[in-house]
N, C-alpha and C. Protein backbone atom coordinates (compact mmCIF):
# COMPACT_ATOMS: atom_id res chain seq x y z
N UNK A 1 106.08 91.33 -10.38
CA UNK A 1 107.19 90.85 -9.66
C UNK A 1 107.15 89.52 -9.31
N UNK A 2 108.38 88.84 -9.51
CA UNK A 2 108.34 87.30 -9.47
C UNK A 2 109.46 87.05 -8.69
N UNK A 3 109.89 85.74 -8.94
CA UNK A 3 111.03 85.22 -8.11
C UNK A 3 112.41 85.92 -8.17
N UNK A 4 112.55 86.77 -9.20
CA UNK A 4 113.83 87.61 -9.20
C UNK A 4 113.58 88.98 -8.67
N UNK A 5 112.70 89.16 -7.72
CA UNK A 5 112.43 90.40 -7.19
C UNK A 5 113.35 90.47 -5.95
N UNK A 6 113.64 91.72 -5.67
CA UNK A 6 114.74 92.15 -4.65
C UNK A 6 114.23 93.27 -3.74
N UNK A 7 114.56 93.45 -2.58
CA UNK A 7 114.13 94.53 -1.68
C UNK A 7 115.39 95.16 -0.93
N UNK A 8 115.22 96.31 -0.67
CA UNK A 8 116.08 97.09 0.18
C UNK A 8 115.26 97.76 1.33
N UNK A 9 115.53 97.53 2.55
CA UNK A 9 114.99 98.21 3.62
C UNK A 9 115.89 99.45 4.01
N UNK A 10 115.31 100.53 4.02
CA UNK A 10 116.06 101.84 4.15
C UNK A 10 115.55 102.50 5.51
N UNK A 11 116.52 103.17 5.97
CA UNK A 11 116.25 103.96 7.19
C UNK A 11 116.56 105.49 6.78
N UNK A 12 115.51 106.34 6.82
CA UNK A 12 115.79 107.70 6.62
C UNK A 12 115.08 108.63 7.50
N UNK A 13 114.93 109.90 7.18
CA UNK A 13 114.18 110.81 8.00
C UNK A 13 112.85 110.91 7.29
N UNK A 14 111.90 111.34 7.96
CA UNK A 14 110.63 111.45 7.65
C UNK A 14 110.52 112.43 6.56
N UNK A 15 111.12 113.71 6.95
CA UNK A 15 111.18 114.84 5.80
C UNK A 15 111.89 114.51 4.48
N UNK A 16 112.63 113.37 4.42
CA UNK A 16 113.34 113.09 3.19
C UNK A 16 112.70 111.89 2.34
N UNK A 17 111.60 111.41 2.82
CA UNK A 17 110.92 110.26 2.19
C UNK A 17 110.43 110.74 0.93
N UNK A 18 109.87 111.93 0.60
CA UNK A 18 109.28 112.40 -0.60
C UNK A 18 110.38 112.45 -1.54
N UNK A 19 111.58 113.11 -1.20
CA UNK A 19 112.66 113.36 -2.05
C UNK A 19 113.23 112.02 -2.58
N UNK A 20 113.43 110.96 -1.55
CA UNK A 20 113.77 109.67 -2.08
C UNK A 20 112.83 109.03 -3.09
N UNK A 21 111.60 109.26 -2.83
CA UNK A 21 110.61 108.64 -3.74
C UNK A 21 110.60 109.31 -5.15
N UNK A 22 110.78 110.54 -5.16
CA UNK A 22 110.95 111.28 -6.40
C UNK A 22 112.06 110.81 -7.22
N UNK A 23 113.31 110.79 -6.55
CA UNK A 23 114.52 110.34 -7.26
C UNK A 23 114.43 109.00 -7.95
N UNK A 24 113.63 107.96 -7.13
CA UNK A 24 113.52 106.56 -7.61
C UNK A 24 112.47 106.63 -8.70
N UNK A 25 111.51 107.58 -8.70
CA UNK A 25 110.43 107.58 -9.79
C UNK A 25 111.25 108.19 -11.07
N UNK A 26 112.24 108.98 -10.93
CA UNK A 26 113.05 109.52 -12.14
C UNK A 26 113.69 108.44 -12.81
N UNK A 27 114.14 107.37 -12.05
CA UNK A 27 114.85 106.19 -12.67
C UNK A 27 113.64 105.15 -12.93
N UNK A 28 112.89 105.41 -13.96
CA UNK A 28 111.63 104.66 -14.34
C UNK A 28 112.17 103.16 -14.50
N UNK A 29 111.27 102.37 -13.61
CA UNK A 29 111.35 100.96 -13.70
C UNK A 29 112.45 100.48 -12.89
N UNK A 30 113.19 101.09 -12.13
CA UNK A 30 114.45 100.67 -11.36
C UNK A 30 113.83 100.09 -10.06
N UNK A 31 113.08 100.83 -9.35
CA UNK A 31 112.56 100.53 -8.11
C UNK A 31 111.34 101.11 -7.65
N UNK A 32 110.51 100.56 -6.86
CA UNK A 32 109.20 100.95 -6.36
C UNK A 32 109.47 101.31 -4.86
N UNK A 33 109.17 102.48 -4.39
CA UNK A 33 109.27 102.92 -2.85
C UNK A 33 108.11 102.65 -2.20
N UNK A 34 108.07 102.07 -1.06
CA UNK A 34 107.13 101.76 -0.30
C UNK A 34 107.38 102.33 1.18
N UNK A 35 106.45 103.10 1.63
CA UNK A 35 106.69 103.68 3.13
C UNK A 35 106.18 102.73 4.14
N UNK A 36 106.94 102.22 4.90
CA UNK A 36 106.48 101.13 5.85
C UNK A 36 105.93 101.94 7.15
N UNK A 37 106.79 102.99 7.57
CA UNK A 37 106.37 103.70 8.81
C UNK A 37 107.05 105.13 8.55
N UNK A 38 106.23 106.05 8.21
CA UNK A 38 106.76 107.37 7.82
C UNK A 38 107.35 108.04 8.98
N UNK A 39 106.79 107.94 10.18
CA UNK A 39 107.26 108.65 11.51
C UNK A 39 108.68 108.20 11.96
N UNK A 40 108.78 106.74 11.77
CA UNK A 40 110.05 106.08 11.96
C UNK A 40 111.22 106.14 10.87
N UNK A 41 110.83 106.62 9.59
CA UNK A 41 111.59 106.81 8.50
C UNK A 41 111.91 105.49 7.85
N UNK A 42 111.05 104.41 8.01
CA UNK A 42 111.19 103.09 7.36
C UNK A 42 110.67 102.99 5.99
N UNK A 43 111.57 102.80 5.00
CA UNK A 43 111.12 102.58 3.54
C UNK A 43 111.51 101.16 3.07
N UNK A 44 110.85 100.76 2.09
CA UNK A 44 111.19 99.63 1.35
C UNK A 44 111.25 99.88 -0.08
N UNK A 45 112.43 99.60 -0.81
CA UNK A 45 112.42 99.71 -2.28
C UNK A 45 112.45 98.35 -2.89
N UNK A 46 111.36 98.01 -3.53
CA UNK A 46 111.20 96.67 -4.36
C UNK A 46 111.80 97.02 -5.65
N UNK A 47 112.70 96.02 -6.12
CA UNK A 47 113.35 96.09 -7.47
C UNK A 47 113.41 94.57 -7.95
N UNK A 48 114.34 94.56 -8.91
CA UNK A 48 114.71 93.18 -9.31
C UNK A 48 116.20 92.97 -9.12
N UNK A 49 116.52 91.57 -9.34
CA UNK A 49 117.87 91.27 -9.21
C UNK A 49 118.81 92.09 -10.29
N UNK A 50 118.05 92.21 -11.46
CA UNK A 50 118.66 92.82 -12.46
C UNK A 50 119.06 94.31 -12.25
N UNK A 51 118.34 94.91 -11.32
CA UNK A 51 118.60 96.42 -11.05
C UNK A 51 119.08 96.64 -9.60
N UNK A 52 119.39 95.45 -8.74
CA UNK A 52 119.75 95.69 -7.42
C UNK A 52 120.90 96.53 -7.22
N UNK A 53 122.10 96.31 -8.28
CA UNK A 53 123.39 97.10 -8.06
C UNK A 53 123.04 98.59 -8.24
N UNK A 54 122.00 98.95 -9.26
CA UNK A 54 121.71 100.30 -9.56
C UNK A 54 121.03 100.88 -8.41
N UNK A 55 120.07 100.10 -7.84
CA UNK A 55 119.28 100.59 -6.60
C UNK A 55 120.33 100.98 -5.46
N UNK A 56 121.20 100.14 -5.22
CA UNK A 56 122.16 100.15 -4.27
C UNK A 56 123.02 101.51 -4.36
N UNK A 57 123.38 101.68 -5.67
CA UNK A 57 124.33 102.79 -6.18
C UNK A 57 123.50 104.00 -5.78
N UNK A 58 122.19 104.02 -6.23
CA UNK A 58 121.34 105.36 -6.08
C UNK A 58 121.31 105.67 -4.69
N UNK A 59 120.66 104.74 -3.85
CA UNK A 59 120.75 104.86 -2.35
C UNK A 59 122.05 105.25 -1.80
N UNK A 60 123.21 104.70 -2.04
CA UNK A 60 124.52 105.06 -1.36
C UNK A 60 124.73 106.48 -1.80
N UNK A 61 124.46 106.89 -3.05
CA UNK A 61 124.82 108.25 -3.61
C UNK A 61 123.99 109.27 -2.72
N UNK A 62 122.67 108.90 -2.64
CA UNK A 62 121.77 109.87 -1.80
C UNK A 62 122.13 110.01 -0.57
N UNK A 63 122.71 108.89 0.18
CA UNK A 63 123.11 108.94 1.65
C UNK A 63 124.41 109.87 1.63
N UNK A 64 125.34 109.54 0.72
CA UNK A 64 126.67 110.35 0.64
C UNK A 64 126.52 111.88 0.50
N UNK A 65 125.58 112.32 -0.23
CA UNK A 65 125.39 113.70 -0.80
C UNK A 65 124.29 114.36 -0.47
N UNK A 66 123.08 113.76 -0.31
CA UNK A 66 121.79 114.45 -0.22
C UNK A 66 121.05 114.41 1.00
N UNK A 67 120.64 113.14 1.47
CA UNK A 67 119.83 112.81 2.54
C UNK A 67 120.26 111.62 3.32
N UNK A 68 119.68 111.39 4.37
CA UNK A 68 120.07 110.18 5.09
C UNK A 68 119.27 109.04 4.49
N UNK A 69 119.99 108.01 3.94
CA UNK A 69 119.37 106.79 3.33
C UNK A 69 120.15 105.75 3.61
N UNK A 70 120.13 105.13 4.73
CA UNK A 70 120.86 103.91 5.16
C UNK A 70 120.27 102.67 4.71
N UNK A 71 121.05 101.75 4.01
CA UNK A 71 120.55 100.54 3.68
C UNK A 71 120.77 99.60 4.98
N UNK A 72 119.70 99.19 5.54
CA UNK A 72 119.80 98.41 6.84
C UNK A 72 119.56 96.96 6.68
N UNK A 73 118.96 96.53 5.40
CA UNK A 73 118.82 95.19 5.24
C UNK A 73 118.42 95.02 3.65
N UNK A 74 118.88 93.92 2.93
CA UNK A 74 118.54 93.73 1.58
C UNK A 74 118.70 92.31 1.37
N UNK A 75 117.67 91.84 0.23
CA UNK A 75 117.72 90.44 -0.05
C UNK A 75 116.56 90.32 -0.90
N UNK A 76 116.40 88.88 -1.26
CA UNK A 76 115.17 88.72 -1.95
C UNK A 76 113.85 89.17 -1.46
N UNK A 77 112.94 89.76 -2.33
CA UNK A 77 111.63 90.26 -1.84
C UNK A 77 110.82 89.35 -1.03
N UNK A 78 110.42 89.94 -0.02
CA UNK A 78 109.53 89.24 1.03
C UNK A 78 108.15 88.89 0.50
N UNK A 79 107.73 89.69 -0.51
CA UNK A 79 106.41 89.56 -1.08
C UNK A 79 105.46 90.57 -0.46
N UNK A 80 105.83 91.38 0.53
CA UNK A 80 105.11 92.37 1.05
C UNK A 80 105.16 93.86 0.42
N UNK A 81 104.09 94.30 -0.03
CA UNK A 81 104.24 95.72 -0.53
C UNK A 81 103.55 96.74 0.45
């Protein structure tokens, strides 16, 4: 991950974290899910600027149809995993 890395901070429910992680794993190479605080439902998805629109679309689709997955912040990767 370099200077074109991009991240999404996601708010979800603890019980939905595993599902979101498995969906992102299915899209191999699009984004890596990191759990910041499971009890609070805080996730970060680290991606690249090339895939940021794909990640946004996946998360918005999850939020609309399957689980709570709200993008609370996005932008250049902070460097934190």
